[in-house]
Amino acid sequence: MGDAGTGARDRDAEGRARSARPRDGLGRPLPYGAPGVERQPEGVVRTPQQTVAEAQALLDAGKPFHAHEVFEDAWKSGPEAERTLWRGLAQLAVGLTHAARGNVTGGARLLRRGAGAVEEWAAGGGERRPYGIDVDGLGRWARELAGRVEGGAGSVEAKGEAPRLRASR
């Protein structure tokens, strides 16, 4: 574990910097020793169906930051042709994270950026419902939420605002 007073950094098994501080459900760091939410392991290769199911469970539990990490794994390990889709989904999840943290500008910006990425992917020849993902519905959800957050809704409750990744769940 790193020591905030000495400037030492926590490292993972590969030597990359990684804070060992516990995190809350929205990914905010908590003091060392505080109980936190178990973190998603990084670099996990999942099937697209596993990615969608795991991310949806995390979104439903009010943990969009953690869902973002699942999407990021798919973005980094999946086929090049799908990277825009998974990156857009990661941006939607982190946009919801920022909106739930009360970051109006960042939340709205990332929600719109994510909506644009998934819509761009579909418009560029991708399916409208890859792996059952409702691309059009997610775009509408993200733009509507961004508008509400900017319109004075302030922070939102992540669990209550969790999107449905698949239209027929």
N, C-alpha and C. Protein backbone atom coordinates (compact mmCIF):
# COMPACT_ATOMS: atom_id res chain seq x y z
N MET A 1 0.85 -1.18 0.00
CA MET A 1 0.00 0.00 0.00
C MET A 1 0.89 1.23 0.00
N GLY A 2 0.51 2.25 -0.77
CA GLY A 2 1.30 3.48 -0.82
C GLY A 2 1.05 4.32 0.41
N ASP A 3 1.93 5.25 0.64
CA ASP A 3 1.81 6.14 1.78
C ASP A 3 1.67 7.55 1.25
N ALA A 4 0.50 8.13 1.48
CA ALA A 4 0.23 9.46 0.95
C ALA A 4 1.24 10.49 1.45
N GLY A 5 1.79 10.25 2.64
CA GLY A 5 2.73 11.21 3.20
C GLY A 5 4.12 11.15 2.57
N THR A 6 4.49 10.01 2.00
CA THR A 6 5.83 9.86 1.44
C THR A 6 5.87 10.04 -0.06
N GLY A 7 4.72 10.06 -0.70
CA GLY A 7 4.69 10.17 -2.15
C GLY A 7 4.86 8.83 -2.84
N ALA A 8 5.02 7.73 -2.08
CA ALA A 8 5.13 6.40 -2.67
C ALA A 8 3.82 6.06 -3.37
N ARG A 9 3.92 5.32 -4.47
CA ARG A 9 2.72 4.98 -5.23
C ARG A 9 2.45 3.49 -5.14
N ASP A 10 1.17 3.16 -5.05
CA ASP A 10 0.76 1.77 -5.08
C ASP A 10 1.01 1.25 -6.50
N ARG A 11 1.40 0.01 -6.60
CA ARG A 11 1.66 -0.62 -7.89
C ARG A 11 0.92 -1.94 -7.96
N ASP A 12 0.48 -2.30 -9.19
CA ASP A 12 -0.12 -3.62 -9.37
C ASP A 12 0.98 -4.63 -9.66
N ALA A 13 0.59 -5.88 -9.94
CA ALA A 13 1.56 -6.96 -10.16
C ALA A 13 2.50 -6.68 -11.33
N GLU A 14 2.02 -5.89 -12.31
CA GLU A 14 2.86 -5.55 -13.48
C GLU A 14 3.66 -4.28 -13.27
N GLY A 15 3.55 -3.67 -12.09
CA GLY A 15 4.31 -2.47 -11.81
C GLY A 15 3.63 -1.17 -12.20
N ARG A 16 2.38 -1.25 -12.71
CA ARG A 16 1.66 -0.02 -13.07
C ARG A 16 1.11 0.65 -11.82
N ALA A 17 1.09 1.97 -11.84
CA ALA A 17 0.52 2.72 -10.72
C ALA A 17 -0.96 2.37 -10.58
N ARG A 18 -1.36 2.05 -9.37
CA ARG A 18 -2.76 1.73 -9.10
C ARG A 18 -3.00 1.96 -7.61
N SER A 19 -3.88 2.87 -7.32
CA SER A 19 -4.17 3.20 -5.93
C SER A 19 -4.85 2.03 -5.22
N ALA A 20 -4.34 1.71 -4.04
CA ALA A 20 -4.94 0.66 -3.23
C ALA A 20 -6.02 1.23 -2.31
N ARG A 21 -6.26 2.52 -2.41
CA ARG A 21 -7.30 3.12 -1.57
C ARG A 21 -8.65 2.52 -1.93
N PRO A 22 -9.46 2.26 -0.93
CA PRO A 22 -10.81 1.76 -1.24
C PRO A 22 -11.61 2.82 -1.98
N ARG A 23 -12.63 2.39 -2.70
CA ARG A 23 -13.48 3.30 -3.48
C ARG A 23 -14.93 3.09 -3.10
N ASP A 24 -15.73 4.13 -3.28
CA ASP A 24 -17.16 3.98 -3.07
C ASP A 24 -17.81 3.49 -4.36
N GLY A 25 -19.12 3.36 -4.36
CA GLY A 25 -19.83 2.84 -5.52
C GLY A 25 -19.72 3.69 -6.77
N LEU A 26 -19.35 4.95 -6.62
CA LEU A 26 -19.16 5.83 -7.77
C LEU A 26 -17.68 6.01 -8.10
N GLY A 27 -16.83 5.17 -7.50
CA GLY A 27 -15.41 5.19 -7.82
C GLY A 27 -14.60 6.26 -7.12
N ARG A 28 -15.22 6.98 -6.19
CA ARG A 28 -14.47 8.01 -5.47
C ARG A 28 -13.58 7.36 -4.42
N PRO A 29 -12.33 7.84 -4.29
CA PRO A 29 -11.44 7.26 -3.29
C PRO A 29 -11.91 7.56 -1.87
N LEU A 30 -11.78 6.57 -1.02
CA LEU A 30 -12.08 6.70 0.40
C LEU A 30 -10.77 6.65 1.17
N PRO A 31 -10.78 7.03 2.44
CA PRO A 31 -9.53 6.95 3.22
C PRO A 31 -9.04 5.50 3.32
N TYR A 32 -7.72 5.33 3.38
CA TYR A 32 -7.15 4.00 3.59
C TYR A 32 -7.80 3.38 4.82
N GLY A 33 -8.13 2.12 4.74
CA GLY A 33 -8.72 1.40 5.86
C GLY A 33 -10.24 1.47 5.93
N ALA A 34 -10.85 2.38 5.17
CA ALA A 34 -12.32 2.48 5.17
C ALA A 34 -12.89 1.32 4.35
N PRO A 35 -14.09 0.86 4.71
CA PRO A 35 -14.70 -0.18 3.88
C PRO A 35 -15.11 0.43 2.54
N GLY A 36 -14.86 -0.28 1.49
CA GLY A 36 -15.19 0.22 0.16
C GLY A 36 -15.89 -0.84 -0.65
N VAL A 37 -16.18 -0.49 -1.89
CA VAL A 37 -16.80 -1.39 -2.84
C VAL A 37 -15.68 -2.15 -3.55
N GLU A 38 -15.84 -3.46 -3.68
CA GLU A 38 -14.83 -4.24 -4.37
C GLU A 38 -14.66 -3.73 -5.78
N ARG A 39 -13.42 -3.57 -6.20
CA ARG A 39 -13.12 -3.04 -7.53
C ARG A 39 -13.22 -4.12 -8.58
N GLN A 40 -13.53 -3.70 -9.77
CA GLN A 40 -13.55 -4.61 -10.91
C GLN A 40 -12.11 -4.95 -11.28
N PRO A 41 -11.82 -6.21 -11.52
CA PRO A 41 -10.48 -6.53 -12.00
C PRO A 41 -10.28 -5.93 -13.39
N GLU A 42 -9.07 -5.49 -13.68
CA GLU A 42 -8.79 -4.90 -14.99
C GLU A 42 -8.22 -5.93 -15.93
N GLY A 43 -8.45 -5.72 -17.22
CA GLY A 43 -7.86 -6.57 -18.25
C GLY A 43 -8.54 -7.90 -18.44
N VAL A 44 -9.78 -8.02 -17.97
CA VAL A 44 -10.51 -9.28 -18.12
C VAL A 44 -11.09 -9.35 -19.53
N VAL A 45 -10.85 -10.46 -20.20
CA VAL A 45 -11.42 -10.68 -21.52
C VAL A 45 -12.72 -11.46 -21.34
N ARG A 46 -13.81 -10.83 -21.77
CA ARG A 46 -15.14 -11.43 -21.67
C ARG A 46 -15.73 -11.52 -23.07
N THR A 47 -16.72 -12.38 -23.22
CA THR A 47 -17.47 -12.37 -24.47
C THR A 47 -18.30 -11.09 -24.47
N PRO A 48 -18.75 -10.64 -25.63
CA PRO A 48 -19.61 -9.46 -25.64
C PRO A 48 -20.87 -9.66 -24.78
N GLN A 49 -21.45 -10.86 -24.81
CA GLN A 49 -22.64 -11.12 -24.00
C GLN A 49 -22.32 -11.03 -22.51
N GLN A 50 -21.16 -11.54 -22.10
CA GLN A 50 -20.76 -11.42 -20.69
C GLN A 50 -20.53 -9.97 -20.31
N THR A 51 -19.93 -9.22 -21.22
CA THR A 51 -19.67 -7.80 -20.97
C THR A 51 -20.98 -7.06 -20.72
N VAL A 52 -21.95 -7.28 -21.60
CA VAL A 52 -23.24 -6.58 -21.47
C VAL A 52 -23.94 -7.00 -20.18
N ALA A 53 -23.96 -8.29 -19.88
CA ALA A 53 -24.64 -8.76 -18.67
C ALA A 53 -23.98 -8.22 -17.40
N GLU A 54 -22.64 -8.27 -17.35
CA GLU A 54 -21.93 -7.79 -16.16
C GLU A 54 -22.09 -6.28 -16.01
N ALA A 55 -21.97 -5.54 -17.09
CA ALA A 55 -22.14 -4.09 -17.03
C ALA A 55 -23.56 -3.73 -16.60
N GLN A 56 -24.56 -4.44 -17.12
CA GLN A 56 -25.94 -4.14 -16.73
C GLN A 56 -26.16 -4.39 -15.24
N ALA A 57 -25.60 -5.49 -14.73
CA ALA A 57 -25.75 -5.77 -13.29
C ALA A 57 -25.12 -4.66 -12.45
N LEU A 58 -23.97 -4.16 -12.87
CA LEU A 58 -23.31 -3.08 -12.15
C LEU A 58 -24.11 -1.78 -12.25
N LEU A 59 -24.63 -1.48 -13.42
CA LEU A 59 -25.47 -0.29 -13.58
C LEU A 59 -26.71 -0.39 -12.68
N ASP A 60 -27.34 -1.56 -12.69
CA ASP A 60 -28.54 -1.77 -11.88
C ASP A 60 -28.25 -1.62 -10.39
N ALA A 61 -27.01 -1.92 -9.98
CA ALA A 61 -26.61 -1.80 -8.58
C ALA A 61 -26.14 -0.39 -8.22
N GLY A 62 -26.22 0.54 -9.18
CA GLY A 62 -25.79 1.92 -8.92
C GLY A 62 -24.29 2.09 -8.96
N LYS A 63 -23.59 1.27 -9.75
CA LYS A 63 -22.13 1.32 -9.85
C LYS A 63 -21.68 1.58 -11.29
N PRO A 64 -22.04 2.74 -11.84
CA PRO A 64 -21.65 3.01 -13.22
C PRO A 64 -20.15 3.13 -13.43
N PHE A 65 -19.41 3.56 -12.42
CA PHE A 65 -17.96 3.63 -12.54
C PHE A 65 -17.39 2.24 -12.81
N HIS A 66 -17.91 1.26 -12.12
CA HIS A 66 -17.44 -0.11 -12.26
C HIS A 66 -17.89 -0.70 -13.60
N ALA A 67 -19.10 -0.33 -14.05
CA ALA A 67 -19.56 -0.76 -15.38
C ALA A 67 -18.65 -0.18 -16.46
N HIS A 68 -18.22 1.04 -16.27
CA HIS A 68 -17.30 1.68 -17.21
C HIS A 68 -16.03 0.85 -17.37
N GLU A 69 -15.52 0.31 -16.27
CA GLU A 69 -14.31 -0.51 -16.34
C GLU A 69 -14.54 -1.80 -17.14
N VAL A 70 -15.73 -2.38 -17.02
CA VAL A 70 -16.07 -3.58 -17.79
C VAL A 70 -16.10 -3.24 -19.28
N PHE A 71 -16.75 -2.13 -19.62
CA PHE A 71 -16.78 -1.70 -21.02
C PHE A 71 -15.38 -1.37 -21.53
N GLU A 72 -14.56 -0.79 -20.67
CA GLU A 72 -13.19 -0.45 -21.08
C GLU A 72 -12.39 -1.71 -21.43
N ASP A 73 -12.60 -2.77 -20.67
CA ASP A 73 -11.94 -4.04 -21.01
C ASP A 73 -12.34 -4.51 -22.40
N ALA A 74 -13.63 -4.41 -22.73
CA ALA A 74 -14.11 -4.82 -24.05
C ALA A 74 -13.53 -3.92 -25.13
N TRP A 75 -13.46 -2.64 -24.85
CA TRP A 75 -12.91 -1.67 -25.80
C TRP A 75 -11.45 -2.01 -26.10
N LYS A 76 -10.69 -2.36 -25.07
CA LYS A 76 -9.27 -2.62 -25.25
C LYS A 76 -8.96 -4.01 -25.79
N SER A 77 -9.83 -4.99 -25.53
CA SER A 77 -9.53 -6.37 -25.94
C SER A 77 -10.35 -6.85 -27.14
N GLY A 78 -11.39 -6.10 -27.48
CA GLY A 78 -12.27 -6.55 -28.56
C GLY A 78 -11.73 -6.24 -29.94
N PRO A 79 -12.47 -6.67 -30.95
CA PRO A 79 -12.04 -6.40 -32.33
C PRO A 79 -12.02 -4.91 -32.62
N GLU A 80 -11.07 -4.51 -33.43
CA GLU A 80 -10.91 -3.09 -33.82
C GLU A 80 -12.23 -2.51 -34.33
N ALA A 81 -12.98 -3.28 -35.09
CA ALA A 81 -14.24 -2.81 -35.69
C ALA A 81 -15.29 -2.45 -34.64
N GLU A 82 -15.14 -2.93 -33.40
CA GLU A 82 -16.13 -2.66 -32.35
C GLU A 82 -15.64 -1.66 -31.32
N ARG A 83 -14.47 -1.14 -31.46
CA ARG A 83 -13.91 -0.28 -30.42
C ARG A 83 -14.73 0.98 -30.19
N THR A 84 -15.26 1.57 -31.24
CA THR A 84 -16.08 2.78 -31.07
C THR A 84 -17.34 2.47 -30.25
N LEU A 85 -17.92 1.31 -30.49
CA LEU A 85 -19.11 0.90 -29.73
C LEU A 85 -18.78 0.79 -28.24
N TRP A 86 -17.76 0.01 -27.90
CA TRP A 86 -17.43 -0.21 -26.50
C TRP A 86 -16.92 1.07 -25.83
N ARG A 87 -16.16 1.88 -26.56
CA ARG A 87 -15.70 3.15 -26.01
C ARG A 87 -16.90 4.05 -25.70
N GLY A 88 -17.86 4.09 -26.62
CA GLY A 88 -19.06 4.89 -26.39
C GLY A 88 -19.84 4.43 -25.17
N LEU A 89 -19.96 3.12 -25.01
CA LEU A 89 -20.66 2.58 -23.83
C LEU A 89 -19.91 2.93 -22.55
N ALA A 90 -18.58 2.88 -22.59
CA ALA A 90 -17.78 3.27 -21.43
C ALA A 90 -18.00 4.75 -21.12
N GLN A 91 -18.08 5.58 -22.14
CA GLN A 91 -18.31 7.01 -21.94
C GLN A 91 -19.70 7.26 -21.34
N LEU A 92 -20.70 6.49 -21.76
CA LEU A 92 -22.03 6.63 -21.18
C LEU A 92 -22.00 6.31 -19.68
N ALA A 93 -21.31 5.23 -19.33
CA ALA A 93 -21.23 4.83 -17.92
C ALA A 93 -20.48 5.86 -17.08
N VAL A 94 -19.38 6.38 -17.61
CA VAL A 94 -18.62 7.37 -16.83
C VAL A 94 -19.36 8.71 -16.83
N GLY A 95 -20.15 8.99 -17.87
CA GLY A 95 -20.99 10.19 -17.86
C GLY A 95 -22.02 10.11 -16.75
N LEU A 96 -22.65 8.94 -16.58
CA LEU A 96 -23.59 8.75 -15.48
C LEU A 96 -22.86 8.87 -14.15
N THR A 97 -21.65 8.36 -14.06
CA THR A 97 -20.85 8.48 -12.84
C THR A 97 -20.66 9.95 -12.47
N HIS A 98 -20.23 10.75 -13.44
CA HIS A 98 -20.00 12.18 -13.17
C HIS A 98 -21.30 12.89 -12.81
N ALA A 99 -22.38 12.57 -13.51
CA ALA A 99 -23.67 13.19 -13.19
C ALA A 99 -24.10 12.84 -11.77
N ALA A 100 -23.87 11.59 -11.35
CA ALA A 100 -24.23 11.18 -9.99
C ALA A 100 -23.33 11.83 -8.94
N ARG A 101 -22.11 12.16 -9.32
CA ARG A 101 -21.19 12.84 -8.40
C ARG A 101 -21.49 14.34 -8.33
N GLY A 102 -22.39 14.84 -9.18
CA GLY A 102 -22.72 16.26 -9.18
C GLY A 102 -21.91 17.08 -10.15
N ASN A 103 -21.11 16.45 -10.98
CA ASN A 103 -20.31 17.15 -11.99
C ASN A 103 -21.20 17.36 -13.23
N VAL A 104 -21.94 18.45 -13.23
CA VAL A 104 -22.91 18.73 -14.29
C VAL A 104 -22.25 18.80 -15.66
N THR A 105 -21.22 19.63 -15.78
CA THR A 105 -20.58 19.83 -17.08
C THR A 105 -19.95 18.55 -17.61
N GLY A 106 -19.14 17.89 -16.79
CA GLY A 106 -18.48 16.66 -17.21
C GLY A 106 -19.47 15.54 -17.50
N GLY A 107 -20.48 15.42 -16.65
CA GLY A 107 -21.48 14.37 -16.85
C GLY A 107 -22.23 14.55 -18.16
N ALA A 108 -22.72 15.75 -18.41
CA ALA A 108 -23.47 16.01 -19.65
C ALA A 108 -22.58 15.83 -20.88
N ARG A 109 -21.36 16.31 -20.80
CA ARG A 109 -20.44 16.20 -21.93
C ARG A 109 -20.16 14.73 -22.27
N LEU A 110 -19.88 13.91 -21.26
CA LEU A 110 -19.58 12.50 -21.50
C LEU A 110 -20.81 11.72 -21.94
N LEU A 111 -21.97 12.06 -21.41
CA LEU A 111 -23.20 11.40 -21.87
C LEU A 111 -23.41 11.67 -23.36
N ARG A 112 -23.24 12.91 -23.77
CA ARG A 112 -23.43 13.25 -25.20
C ARG A 112 -22.32 12.63 -26.07
N ARG A 113 -21.10 12.64 -25.57
CA ARG A 113 -20.00 12.04 -26.33
C ARG A 113 -20.23 10.53 -26.51
N GLY A 114 -20.66 9.87 -25.45
CA GLY A 114 -20.94 8.44 -25.54
C GLY A 114 -22.09 8.15 -26.49
N ALA A 115 -23.15 8.97 -26.42
CA ALA A 115 -24.28 8.80 -27.33
C ALA A 115 -23.81 8.96 -28.77
N GLY A 116 -23.00 9.96 -29.02
CA GLY A 116 -22.48 10.18 -30.36
C GLY A 116 -21.63 9.02 -30.85
N ALA A 117 -20.82 8.44 -29.96
CA ALA A 117 -19.95 7.33 -30.35
C ALA A 117 -20.76 6.09 -30.71
N VAL A 118 -21.75 5.73 -29.90
CA VAL A 118 -22.52 4.52 -30.23
C VAL A 118 -23.36 4.74 -31.48
N GLU A 119 -23.87 5.96 -31.65
CA GLU A 119 -24.65 6.26 -32.86
C GLU A 119 -23.75 6.29 -34.09
N GLU A 120 -22.54 6.83 -33.93
CA GLU A 120 -21.57 6.85 -35.03
C GLU A 120 -21.22 5.43 -35.45
N TRP A 121 -21.03 4.56 -34.46
CA TRP A 121 -20.69 3.17 -34.75
C TRP A 121 -21.82 2.53 -35.57
N ALA A 122 -23.06 2.72 -35.15
CA ALA A 122 -24.19 2.13 -35.87
C ALA A 122 -24.32 2.73 -37.27
N ALA A 123 -24.13 4.04 -37.38
CA ALA A 123 -24.24 4.70 -38.69
C ALA A 123 -23.12 4.29 -39.63
N GLY A 124 -21.99 3.87 -39.07
CA GLY A 124 -20.85 3.47 -39.89
C GLY A 124 -20.92 2.04 -40.36
N GLY A 125 -22.07 1.44 -40.29
CA GLY A 125 -22.23 0.07 -40.78
C GLY A 125 -22.42 -0.95 -39.68
N GLY A 126 -22.34 -0.50 -38.41
CA GLY A 126 -22.59 -1.42 -37.31
C GLY A 126 -24.07 -1.71 -37.18
N GLU A 127 -24.37 -2.77 -36.48
CA GLU A 127 -25.78 -3.14 -36.27
C GLU A 127 -26.47 -2.13 -35.36
N ARG A 128 -27.79 -2.07 -35.48
CA ARG A 128 -28.57 -1.19 -34.59
C ARG A 128 -28.74 -1.83 -33.23
N ARG A 129 -28.62 -3.15 -33.13
CA ARG A 129 -28.75 -3.85 -31.85
C ARG A 129 -27.64 -4.90 -31.70
N PRO A 130 -26.39 -4.46 -31.67
CA PRO A 130 -25.30 -5.43 -31.51
C PRO A 130 -25.39 -6.09 -30.14
N TYR A 131 -25.35 -7.41 -30.14
CA TYR A 131 -25.42 -8.17 -28.88
C TYR A 131 -26.66 -7.82 -28.08
N GLY A 132 -27.70 -7.39 -28.78
CA GLY A 132 -28.95 -7.01 -28.13
C GLY A 132 -28.95 -5.61 -27.54
N ILE A 133 -27.85 -4.87 -27.71
CA ILE A 133 -27.73 -3.51 -27.15
C ILE A 133 -28.61 -2.57 -27.96
N ASP A 134 -29.45 -1.82 -27.27
CA ASP A 134 -30.36 -0.86 -27.90
C ASP A 134 -29.63 0.47 -28.12
N VAL A 135 -28.88 0.53 -29.21
CA VAL A 135 -28.07 1.72 -29.52
C VAL A 135 -28.93 2.98 -29.58
N ASP A 136 -30.05 2.91 -30.29
CA ASP A 136 -30.91 4.10 -30.43
C ASP A 136 -31.48 4.52 -29.08
N GLY A 137 -31.95 3.56 -28.30
CA GLY A 137 -32.50 3.87 -26.99
C GLY A 137 -31.47 4.46 -26.05
N LEU A 138 -30.24 3.96 -26.10
CA LEU A 138 -29.18 4.50 -25.25
C LEU A 138 -28.84 5.93 -25.64
N GLY A 139 -28.83 6.20 -26.93
CA GLY A 139 -28.57 7.57 -27.38
C GLY A 139 -29.64 8.52 -26.85
N ARG A 140 -30.91 8.11 -26.96
CA ARG A 140 -32.01 8.95 -26.44
C ARG A 140 -31.89 9.14 -24.93
N TRP A 141 -31.62 8.04 -24.22
CA TRP A 141 -31.48 8.10 -22.76
C TRP A 141 -30.38 9.09 -22.36
N ALA A 142 -29.22 8.97 -23.00
CA ALA A 142 -28.08 9.80 -22.64
C ALA A 142 -28.34 11.28 -22.91
N ARG A 143 -28.91 11.58 -24.06
CA ARG A 143 -29.18 12.99 -24.40
C ARG A 143 -30.25 13.59 -23.48
N GLU A 144 -31.25 12.80 -23.15
CA GLU A 144 -32.30 13.27 -22.25
C GLU A 144 -31.74 13.52 -20.86
N LEU A 145 -30.92 12.58 -20.35
CA LEU A 145 -30.33 12.76 -19.03
C LEU A 145 -29.38 13.95 -19.01
N ALA A 146 -28.58 14.11 -20.05
CA ALA A 146 -27.67 15.26 -20.13
C ALA A 146 -28.47 16.57 -20.06
N GLY A 147 -29.58 16.64 -20.77
CA GLY A 147 -30.41 17.83 -20.74
C GLY A 147 -31.00 18.10 -19.36
N ARG A 148 -31.45 17.05 -18.69
CA ARG A 148 -32.00 17.22 -17.34
C ARG A 148 -30.93 17.68 -16.35
N VAL A 149 -29.74 17.09 -16.44
CA VAL A 149 -28.66 17.46 -15.53
C VAL A 149 -28.29 18.93 -15.75
N GLU A 150 -28.15 19.33 -17.00
CA GLU A 150 -27.81 20.73 -17.29
C GLU A 150 -28.96 21.67 -16.97
N GLY A 151 -30.18 21.17 -17.03
CA GLY A 151 -31.35 21.99 -16.79
C GLY A 151 -31.64 22.24 -15.33
N GLY A 152 -30.75 21.80 -14.45
CA GLY A 152 -30.93 22.10 -13.04
C GLY A 152 -31.23 20.90 -12.17
N ALA A 153 -31.25 19.71 -12.73
CA ALA A 153 -31.50 18.53 -11.91
C ALA A 153 -30.36 18.29 -10.93
N GLY A 154 -29.20 18.88 -11.22
CA GLY A 154 -28.04 18.66 -10.35
C GLY A 154 -27.60 17.22 -10.42
N SER A 155 -27.09 16.71 -9.31
CA SER A 155 -26.65 15.31 -9.33
C SER A 155 -27.87 14.40 -9.39
N VAL A 156 -27.66 13.25 -9.94
CA VAL A 156 -28.74 12.27 -10.09
C VAL A 156 -28.37 11.02 -9.30
N GLU A 157 -29.34 10.19 -9.05
CA GLU A 157 -29.11 8.93 -8.33
C GLU A 157 -28.77 7.87 -9.37
N ALA A 158 -27.55 7.36 -9.32
CA ALA A 158 -27.04 6.45 -10.36
C ALA A 158 -27.93 5.23 -10.55
N LYS A 159 -28.35 4.62 -9.47
CA LYS A 159 -29.17 3.41 -9.57
C LYS A 159 -30.51 3.71 -10.24
N GLY A 160 -31.12 4.81 -9.86
CA GLY A 160 -32.41 5.18 -10.43
C GLY A 160 -32.35 5.60 -11.88
N GLU A 161 -31.19 6.05 -12.32
CA GLU A 161 -31.02 6.52 -13.70
C GLU A 161 -30.35 5.49 -14.61
N ALA A 162 -30.07 4.31 -14.07
CA ALA A 162 -29.35 3.30 -14.86
C ALA A 162 -30.10 2.99 -16.15
N PRO A 163 -29.39 3.01 -17.27
CA PRO A 163 -30.04 2.71 -18.54
C PRO A 163 -30.25 1.22 -18.72
N ARG A 164 -31.15 0.88 -19.60
CA ARG A 164 -31.35 -0.50 -20.03
C ARG A 164 -30.48 -0.68 -21.28
N LEU A 165 -29.49 -1.53 -21.20
CA LEU A 165 -28.62 -1.75 -22.35
C LEU A 165 -29.34 -2.50 -23.46
N ARG A 166 -30.19 -3.40 -23.06
CA ARG A 166 -30.99 -4.18 -24.02
C ARG A 166 -32.44 -3.75 -23.87
N ALA A 167 -33.10 -3.54 -24.98
CA ALA A 167 -34.50 -3.06 -24.95
C ALA A 167 -35.44 -4.10 -24.35
N SER A 168 -35.22 -5.36 -24.59
CA SER A 168 -36.15 -6.37 -24.11
C SER A 168 -35.51 -7.21 -23.03
N ARG A 169 -35.46 -6.63 -21.84
CA ARG A 169 -34.90 -7.32 -20.68
C ARG A 169 -36.03 -7.84 -19.82
